[in-house]
Amino acid sequence: MISYIEALKIALQLKSRIDKCVETPNAYLFKNADDEYSIGGEGICCILKENGKAIGTTAYYDKYANYSDDEVKEFDVIIK
């Protein structure tokens, strides 16, 4: 199981700008404000907690998104 800090380090290697994180029971989903309005581009970066592997959002939602909304936290990412 990896920590939030470890997941953020991995995501920063894959995504140029991160300002939000959605934590689910099995992954950290990193995004930025522009992702909501983007067609194509980088999109959301999903990092699995179990092994630190980055997977696409479609694969994530197909295989891992079996949780309730009560188990999800969204917060701002502050990079110093």
PDB file of N, CA and C in Angstrom:
ATOM      1  N   MET A   1       0.864  -1.176   0.000  1.00  0.00           N
ATOM      2  CA  MET A   1       0.000   0.000   0.000  1.00  0.00           C
ATOM      3  C   MET A   1       0.906   1.233   0.000  1.00  0.00           C
ATOM      4  N   ILE A   2       0.664   2.149  -0.924  1.00  0.00           N
ATOM      5  CA  ILE A   2       1.482   3.361  -0.980  1.00  0.00           C
ATOM      6  C   ILE A   2       0.751   4.526  -0.316  1.00  0.00           C
ATOM      7  N   SER A   3       1.524   5.503   0.094  1.00  0.00           N
ATOM      8  CA  SER A   3       0.962   6.684   0.751  1.00  0.00           C
ATOM      9  C   SER A   3       0.551   7.732  -0.288  1.00  0.00           C
ATOM     10  N   TYR A   4      -0.166   8.730   0.192  1.00  0.00           N
ATOM     11  CA  TYR A   4      -0.554   9.856  -0.668  1.00  0.00           C
ATOM     12  C   TYR A   4       0.687  10.537  -1.248  1.00  0.00           C
ATOM     13  N   ILE A   5       1.707  10.778  -0.421  1.00  0.00           N
ATOM     14  CA  ILE A   5       2.923  11.466  -0.880  1.00  0.00           C
ATOM     15  C   ILE A   5       3.613  10.657  -1.974  1.00  0.00           C
ATOM     16  N   GLU A   6       3.702   9.349  -1.800  1.00  0.00           N
ATOM     17  CA  GLU A   6       4.315   8.496  -2.827  1.00  0.00           C
ATOM     18  C   GLU A   6       3.499   8.545  -4.120  1.00  0.00           C
ATOM     19  N   ALA A   7       2.182   8.504  -3.992  1.00  0.00           N
ATOM     20  CA  ALA A   7       1.315   8.563  -5.172  1.00  0.00           C
ATOM     21  C   ALA A   7       1.449   9.911  -5.880  1.00  0.00           C
ATOM     22  N   LEU A   8       1.534  10.984  -5.118  1.00  0.00           N
ATOM     23  CA  LEU A   8       1.691  12.312  -5.706  1.00  0.00           C
ATOM     24  C   LEU A   8       3.000  12.409  -6.484  1.00  0.00           C
ATOM     25  N   LYS A   9       4.080  11.866  -5.955  1.00  0.00           N
ATOM     26  CA  LYS A   9       5.371  11.879  -6.657  1.00  0.00           C
ATOM     27  C   LYS A   9       5.276  11.151  -7.993  1.00  0.00           C
ATOM     28  N   ILE A  10       4.591  10.017  -8.012  1.00  0.00           N
ATOM     29  CA  ILE A  10       4.398   9.270  -9.260  1.00  0.00           C
ATOM     30  C   ILE A  10       3.561  10.086 -10.238  1.00  0.00           C
ATOM     31  N   ALA A  11       2.469  10.659  -9.753  1.00  0.00           N
ATOM     32  CA  ALA A  11       1.574  11.436 -10.617  1.00  0.00           C
ATOM     33  C   ALA A  11       2.274  12.649 -11.214  1.00  0.00           C
ATOM     34  N   LEU A  12       3.139  13.291 -10.441  1.00  0.00           N
ATOM     35  CA  LEU A  12       3.848  14.472 -10.944  1.00  0.00           C
ATOM     36  C   LEU A  12       4.819  14.127 -12.074  1.00  0.00           C
ATOM     37  N   GLN A  13       5.226  12.887 -12.164  1.00  0.00           N
ATOM     38  CA  GLN A  13       6.070  12.448 -13.286  1.00  0.00           C
ATOM     39  C   GLN A  13       5.245  12.241 -14.550  1.00  0.00           C
ATOM     40  N   LEU A  14       3.944  12.075 -14.390  1.00  0.00           N
ATOM     41  CA  LEU A  14       3.057  11.741 -15.516  1.00  0.00           C
ATOM     42  C   LEU A  14       2.155  12.881 -15.951  1.00  0.00           C
ATOM     43  N   LYS A  15       1.941  13.831 -15.086  1.00  0.00           N
ATOM     44  CA  LYS A  15       0.978  14.911 -15.348  1.00  0.00           C
ATOM     45  C   LYS A  15       1.650  16.236 -15.049  1.00  0.00           C
ATOM     46  N   SER A  16       1.521  17.174 -15.954  1.00  0.00           N
ATOM     47  CA  SER A  16       2.260  18.438 -15.828  1.00  0.00           C
ATOM     48  C   SER A  16       1.713  19.373 -14.752  1.00  0.00           C
ATOM     49  N   ARG A  17       0.420  19.306 -14.492  1.00  0.00           N
ATOM     50  CA  ARG A  17      -0.180  20.208 -13.500  1.00  0.00           C
ATOM     51  C   ARG A  17      -1.224  19.468 -12.687  1.00  0.00           C
ATOM     52  N   ILE A  18      -1.119  19.548 -11.377  1.00  0.00           N
ATOM     53  CA  ILE A  18      -2.064  18.882 -10.485  1.00  0.00           C
ATOM     54  C   ILE A  18      -2.513  19.888  -9.442  1.00  0.00           C
ATOM     55  N   ASP A  19      -3.820  20.023  -9.248  1.00  0.00           N
ATOM     56  CA  ASP A  19      -4.304  20.902  -8.177  1.00  0.00           C
ATOM     57  C   ASP A  19      -5.439  20.288  -7.352  1.00  0.00           C
ATOM     58  N   LYS A  20      -5.879  19.085  -7.718  1.00  0.00           N
ATOM     59  CA  LYS A  20      -6.935  18.391  -6.973  1.00  0.00           C
ATOM     60  C   LYS A  20      -6.598  16.904  -6.869  1.00  0.00           C
ATOM     61  N   CYS A  21      -7.079  16.289  -5.790  1.00  0.00           N
ATOM     62  CA  CYS A  21      -6.955  14.842  -5.632  1.00  0.00           C
ATOM     63  C   CYS A  21      -8.281  14.297  -5.134  1.00  0.00           C
ATOM     64  N   VAL A  22      -8.685  13.191  -5.705  1.00  0.00           N
ATOM     65  CA  VAL A  22      -9.833  12.452  -5.212  1.00  0.00           C
ATOM     66  C   VAL A  22      -9.273  11.144  -4.662  1.00  0.00           C
ATOM     67  N   GLU A  23      -9.468  10.926  -3.360  1.00  0.00           N
ATOM     68  CA  GLU A  23      -9.004   9.693  -2.748  1.00  0.00           C
ATOM     69  C   GLU A  23     -10.173   8.735  -2.614  1.00  0.00           C
ATOM     70  N   THR A  24     -10.022   7.552  -3.175  1.00  0.00           N
ATOM     71  CA  THR A  24     -11.010   6.494  -3.064  1.00  0.00           C
ATOM     72  C   THR A  24     -10.390   5.377  -2.215  1.00  0.00           C
ATOM     73  N   PRO A  25     -11.150   4.349  -1.867  1.00  0.00           N
ATOM     74  CA  PRO A  25     -10.579   3.283  -1.049  1.00  0.00           C
ATOM     75  C   PRO A  25      -9.372   2.579  -1.678  1.00  0.00           C
ATOM     76  N   ASN A  26      -9.270   2.613  -3.014  1.00  0.00           N
ATOM     77  CA  ASN A  26      -8.192   1.870  -3.658  1.00  0.00           C
ATOM     78  C   ASN A  26      -7.299   2.674  -4.592  1.00  0.00           C
ATOM     79  N   ALA A  27      -7.485   3.995  -4.666  1.00  0.00           N
ATOM     80  CA  ALA A  27      -6.650   4.786  -5.573  1.00  0.00           C
ATOM     81  C   ALA A  27      -6.674   6.269  -5.212  1.00  0.00           C
ATOM     82  N   TYR A  28      -5.682   6.964  -5.742  1.00  0.00           N
ATOM     83  CA  TYR A  28      -5.656   8.426  -5.728  1.00  0.00           C
ATOM     84  C   TYR A  28      -5.841   8.863  -7.177  1.00  0.00           C
ATOM     85  N   LEU A  29      -6.803   9.763  -7.420  1.00  0.00           N
ATOM     86  CA  LEU A  29      -7.046  10.282  -8.762  1.00  0.00           C
ATOM     87  C   LEU A  29      -6.645  11.750  -8.765  1.00  0.00           C
ATOM     88  N   PHE A  30      -5.581  12.055  -9.472  1.00  0.00           N
ATOM     89  CA  PHE A  30      -5.049  13.416  -9.514  1.00  0.00           C
ATOM     90  C   PHE A  30      -5.542  14.118 -10.769  1.00  0.00           C
ATOM     91  N   LYS A  31      -5.912  15.382 -10.613  1.00  0.00           N
ATOM     92  CA  LYS A  31      -6.436  16.150 -11.742  1.00  0.00           C
ATOM     93  C   LYS A  31      -6.130  17.622 -11.557  1.00  0.00           C
ATOM     94  N   ASN A  32      -6.436  18.407 -12.580  1.00  0.00           N
ATOM     95  CA  ASN A  32      -6.373  19.863 -12.440  1.00  0.00           C
ATOM     96  C   ASN A  32      -7.687  20.448 -12.925  1.00  0.00           C
ATOM     97  N   ALA A  33      -7.885  21.701 -12.606  1.00  0.00           N
ATOM     98  CA  ALA A  33      -9.164  22.364 -12.901  1.00  0.00           C
ATOM     99  C   ALA A  33      -9.503  22.320 -14.388  1.00  0.00           C
ATOM    100  N   ASP A  34      -8.504  22.339 -15.254  1.00  0.00           N
ATOM    101  CA  ASP A  34      -8.749  22.339 -16.697  1.00  0.00           C
ATOM    102  C   ASP A  34      -9.242  20.992 -17.214  1.00  0.00           C
ATOM    103  N   ASP A  35      -9.038  19.902 -16.467  1.00  0.00           N
ATOM    104  CA  ASP A  35      -9.460  18.581 -16.936  1.00  0.00           C
ATOM    105  C   ASP A  35     -10.959  18.508 -17.195  1.00  0.00           C
ATOM    106  N   GLU A  36     -11.727  19.246 -16.425  1.00  0.00           N
ATOM    107  CA  GLU A  36     -13.183  19.206 -16.563  1.00  0.00           C
ATOM    108  C   GLU A  36     -13.637  19.675 -17.937  1.00  0.00           C
ATOM    109  N   TYR A  37     -12.890  20.586 -18.526  1.00  0.00           N
ATOM    110  CA  TYR A  37     -13.289  21.181 -19.805  1.00  0.00           C
ATOM    111  C   TYR A  37     -12.427  20.710 -20.973  1.00  0.00           C
ATOM    112  N   SER A  38     -11.564  19.744 -20.730  1.00  0.00           N
ATOM    113  CA  SER A  38     -10.616  19.290 -21.742  1.00  0.00           C
ATOM    114  C   SER A  38     -11.185  18.153 -22.571  1.00  0.00           C
ATOM    115  N   ILE A  39     -10.908  18.196 -23.848  1.00  0.00           N
ATOM    116  CA  ILE A  39     -11.208  17.079 -24.739  1.00  0.00           C
ATOM    117  C   ILE A  39      -9.848  16.549 -25.169  1.00  0.00           C
ATOM    118  N   GLY A  40      -9.526  15.346 -24.740  1.00  0.00           N
ATOM    119  CA  GLY A  40      -8.187  14.818 -24.982  1.00  0.00           C
ATOM    120  C   GLY A  40      -7.240  15.350 -23.920  1.00  0.00           C
ATOM    121  N   GLY A  41      -5.997  15.510 -24.269  1.00  0.00           N
ATOM    122  CA  GLY A  41      -5.026  16.026 -23.311  1.00  0.00           C
ATOM    123  C   GLY A  41      -4.649  14.991 -22.266  1.00  0.00           C
ATOM    124  N   GLU A  42      -4.112  15.448 -21.151  1.00  0.00           N
ATOM    125  CA  GLU A  42      -3.606  14.537 -20.128  1.00  0.00           C
ATOM    126  C   GLU A  42      -4.701  13.793 -19.376  1.00  0.00           C
ATOM    127  N   GLY A  43      -5.755  14.464 -19.005  1.00  0.00           N
ATOM    128  CA  GLY A  43      -6.824  13.825 -18.250  1.00  0.00           C
ATOM    129  C   GLY A  43      -6.417  13.483 -16.830  1.00  0.00           C
ATOM    130  N   ILE A  44      -7.236  12.699 -16.175  1.00  0.00           N
ATOM    131  CA  ILE A  44      -7.024  12.318 -14.775  1.00  0.00           C
ATOM    132  C   ILE A  44      -5.936  11.254 -14.690  1.00  0.00           C
ATOM    133  N   CYS A  45      -5.094  11.361 -13.674  1.00  0.00           N
ATOM    134  CA  CYS A  45      -4.019  10.401 -13.432  1.00  0.00           C
ATOM    135  C   CYS A  45      -4.424   9.528 -12.247  1.00  0.00           C
ATOM    136  N   CYS A  46      -4.662   8.244 -12.487  1.00  0.00           N
ATOM    137  CA  CYS A  46      -5.096   7.303 -11.454  1.00  0.00           C
ATOM    138  C   CYS A  46      -3.899   6.489 -10.970  1.00  0.00           C
ATOM    139  N   ILE A  47      -3.624   6.565  -9.669  1.00  0.00           N
ATOM    140  CA  ILE A  47      -2.534   5.805  -9.070  1.00  0.00           C
ATOM    141  C   ILE A  47      -3.146   4.824  -8.061  1.00  0.00           C
ATOM    142  N   LEU A  48      -2.941   3.540  -8.302  1.00  0.00           N
ATOM    143  CA  LEU A  48      -3.494   2.516  -7.420  1.00  0.00           C
ATOM    144  C   LEU A  48      -2.737   2.489  -6.095  1.00  0.00           C
ATOM    145  N   LYS A  49      -3.476   2.404  -5.004  1.00  0.00           N
ATOM    146  CA  LYS A  49      -2.860   2.345  -3.675  1.00  0.00           C
ATOM    147  C   LYS A  49      -2.119   1.021  -3.454  1.00  0.00           C
ATOM    148  N   GLU A  50      -2.609  -0.047  -4.022  1.00  0.00           N
ATOM    149  CA  GLU A  50      -2.039  -1.370  -3.747  1.00  0.00           C
ATOM    150  C   GLU A  50      -0.606  -1.536  -4.243  1.00  0.00           C
ATOM    151  N   ASN A  51      -0.259  -0.842  -5.350  1.00  0.00           N
ATOM    152  CA  ASN A  51       1.069  -1.075  -5.930  1.00  0.00           C
ATOM    153  C   ASN A  51       1.713   0.162  -6.562  1.00  0.00           C
ATOM    154  N   GLY A  52       1.045   1.309  -6.555  1.00  0.00           N
ATOM    155  CA  GLY A  52       1.604   2.525  -7.140  1.00  0.00           C
ATOM    156  C   GLY A  52       1.543   2.577  -8.654  1.00  0.00           C
ATOM    157  N   LYS A  53       0.849   1.649  -9.262  1.00  0.00           N
ATOM    158  CA  LYS A  53       0.741   1.600 -10.718  1.00  0.00           C
ATOM    159  C   LYS A  53      -0.223   2.676 -11.207  1.00  0.00           C
ATOM    160  N   ALA A  54       0.167   3.344 -12.281  1.00  0.00           N
ATOM    161  CA  ALA A  54      -0.706   4.327 -12.933  1.00  0.00           C
ATOM    162  C   ALA A  54      -1.538   3.601 -13.982  1.00  0.00           C
ATOM    163  N   ILE A  55      -2.853   3.808 -13.935  1.00  0.00           N
ATOM    164  CA  ILE A  55      -3.734   3.196 -14.938  1.00  0.00           C
ATOM    165  C   ILE A  55      -4.661   4.271 -15.502  1.00  0.00           C
ATOM    166  N   GLY A  56      -5.220   4.004 -16.654  1.00  0.00           N
ATOM    167  CA  GLY A  56      -6.160   4.931 -17.281  1.00  0.00           C
ATOM    168  C   GLY A  56      -7.475   4.984 -16.532  1.00  0.00           C
ATOM    169  N   THR A  57      -8.188   6.071 -16.708  1.00  0.00           N
ATOM    170  CA  THR A  57      -9.450   6.234 -15.985  1.00  0.00           C
ATOM    171  C   THR A  57     -10.493   5.200 -16.397  1.00  0.00           C
ATOM    172  N   THR A  58     -10.537   4.816 -17.650  1.00  0.00           N
ATOM    173  CA  THR A  58     -11.509   3.804 -18.081  1.00  0.00           C
ATOM    174  C   THR A  58     -11.234   2.477 -17.377  1.00  0.00           C
ATOM    175  N   ALA A  59      -9.978   2.063 -17.355  1.00  0.00           N
ATOM    176  CA  ALA A  59      -9.611   0.819 -16.674  1.00  0.00           C
ATOM    177  C   ALA A  59      -9.919   0.925 -15.185  1.00  0.00           C
ATOM    178  N   TYR A  60      -9.664   2.083 -14.610  1.00  0.00           N
ATOM    179  CA  TYR A  60      -9.947   2.276 -13.188  1.00  0.00           C
ATOM    180  C   TYR A  60     -11.441   2.100 -12.898  1.00  0.00           C
ATOM    181  N   TYR A  61     -12.270   2.818 -13.639  1.00  0.00           N
ATOM    182  CA  TYR A  61     -13.712   2.743 -13.385  1.00  0.00           C
ATOM    183  C   TYR A  61     -14.287   1.359 -13.696  1.00  0.00           C
ATOM    184  N   ASP A  62     -13.733   0.671 -14.687  1.00  0.00           N
ATOM    185  CA  ASP A  62     -14.202  -0.680 -15.009  1.00  0.00           C
ATOM    186  C   ASP A  62     -13.877  -1.685 -13.911  1.00  0.00           C
ATOM    187  N   LYS A  63     -12.679  -1.590 -13.343  1.00  0.00           N
ATOM    188  CA  LYS A  63     -12.217  -2.635 -12.434  1.00  0.00           C
ATOM    189  C   LYS A  63     -12.253  -2.265 -10.945  1.00  0.00           C
ATOM    190  N   TYR A  64     -12.082  -0.997 -10.611  1.00  0.00           N
ATOM    191  CA  TYR A  64     -11.855  -0.620  -9.221  1.00  0.00           C
ATOM    192  C   TYR A  64     -12.917   0.280  -8.589  1.00  0.00           C
ATOM    193  N   ALA A  65     -13.818   0.817  -9.354  1.00  0.00           N
ATOM    194  CA  ALA A  65     -14.755   1.820  -8.823  1.00  0.00           C
ATOM    195  C   ALA A  65     -16.003   1.171  -8.226  1.00  0.00           C
ATOM    196  N   ASN A  66     -15.818   0.348  -7.212  1.00  0.00           N
ATOM    197  CA  ASN A  66     -16.941  -0.329  -6.568  1.00  0.00           C
ATOM    198  C   ASN A  66     -17.023   0.103  -5.099  1.00  0.00           C
ATOM    199  N   TYR A  67     -17.306   1.365  -4.879  1.00  0.00           N
ATOM    200  CA  TYR A  67     -17.363   1.937  -3.544  1.00  0.00           C
ATOM    201  C   TYR A  67     -18.501   2.943  -3.486  1.00  0.00           C
ATOM    202  N   SER A  68     -18.876   3.345  -2.284  1.00  0.00           N
ATOM    203  CA  SER A  68     -19.941   4.333  -2.142  1.00  0.00           C
ATOM    204  C   SER A  68     -19.356   5.748  -2.102  1.00  0.00           C
ATOM    205  N   ASP A  69     -20.188   6.730  -2.335  1.00  0.00           N
ATOM    206  CA  ASP A  69     -19.738   8.124  -2.295  1.00  0.00           C
ATOM    207  C   ASP A  69     -19.218   8.518  -0.919  1.00  0.00           C
ATOM    208  N   ASP A  70     -19.674   7.839   0.129  1.00  0.00           N
ATOM    209  CA  ASP A  70     -19.214   8.127   1.487  1.00  0.00           C
ATOM    210  C   ASP A  70     -17.738   7.803   1.678  1.00  0.00           C
ATOM    211  N   GLU A  71     -17.191   6.964   0.814  1.00  0.00           N
ATOM    212  CA  GLU A  71     -15.804   6.539   0.937  1.00  0.00           C
ATOM    213  C   GLU A  71     -14.842   7.408   0.122  1.00  0.00           C
ATOM    214  N   VAL A  72     -15.329   8.486  -0.467  1.00  0.00           N
ATOM    215  CA  VAL A  72     -14.526   9.324  -1.349  1.00  0.00           C
ATOM    216  C   VAL A  72     -14.252  10.674  -0.699  1.00  0.00           C
ATOM    217  N   LYS A  73     -12.983  11.084  -0.772  1.00  0.00           N
ATOM    218  CA  LYS A  73     -12.599  12.411  -0.280  1.00  0.00           C
ATOM    219  C   LYS A  73     -11.971  13.179  -1.435  1.00  0.00           C
ATOM    220  N   GLU A  74     -12.344  14.437  -1.588  1.00  0.00           N
ATOM    221  CA  GLU A  74     -11.712  15.298  -2.592  1.00  0.00           C
ATOM    222  C   GLU A  74     -11.071  16.477  -1.867  1.00  0.00           C
ATOM    223  N   PHE A  75      -9.855  16.802  -2.267  1.00  0.00           N
ATOM    224  CA  PHE A  75      -9.147  17.895  -1.606  1.00  0.00           C
ATOM    225  C   PHE A  75      -8.171  18.557  -2.566  1.00  0.00           C
ATOM    226  N   ASP A  76      -7.774  19.787  -2.212  1.00  0.00           N
ATOM    227  CA  ASP A  76      -6.802  20.536  -2.996  1.00  0.00           C
ATOM    228  C   ASP A  76      -5.410  19.965  -2.770  1.00  0.00           C
ATOM    229  N   VAL A  77      -4.606  20.000  -3.819  1.00  0.00           N
ATOM    230  CA  VAL A  77      -3.203  19.590  -3.740  1.00  0.00           C
ATOM    231  C   VAL A  77      -2.356  20.852  -3.715  1.00  0.00           C
ATOM    232  N   ILE A  78      -1.523  20.963  -2.708  1.00  0.00           N
ATOM    233  CA  ILE A  78      -0.640  22.122  -2.590  1.00  0.00           C
ATOM    234  C   ILE A  78       0.786  21.612  -2.773  1.00  0.00           C
ATOM    235  N   ILE A  79       1.429  22.072  -3.822  1.00  0.00           N
ATOM    236  CA  ILE A  79       2.793  21.659  -4.119  1.00  0.00           C
ATOM    237  C   ILE A  79       3.727  22.813  -3.803  1.00  0.00           C
ATOM    238  N   LYS A  80       4.680  22.544  -2.954  1.00  0.00           N
ATOM    239  CA  LYS A  80       5.619  23.596  -2.527  1.00  0.00           C
ATOM    240  C   LYS A  80       6.912  23.514  -3.277  1.00  0.00           C
TER     241      LYS A  80
END
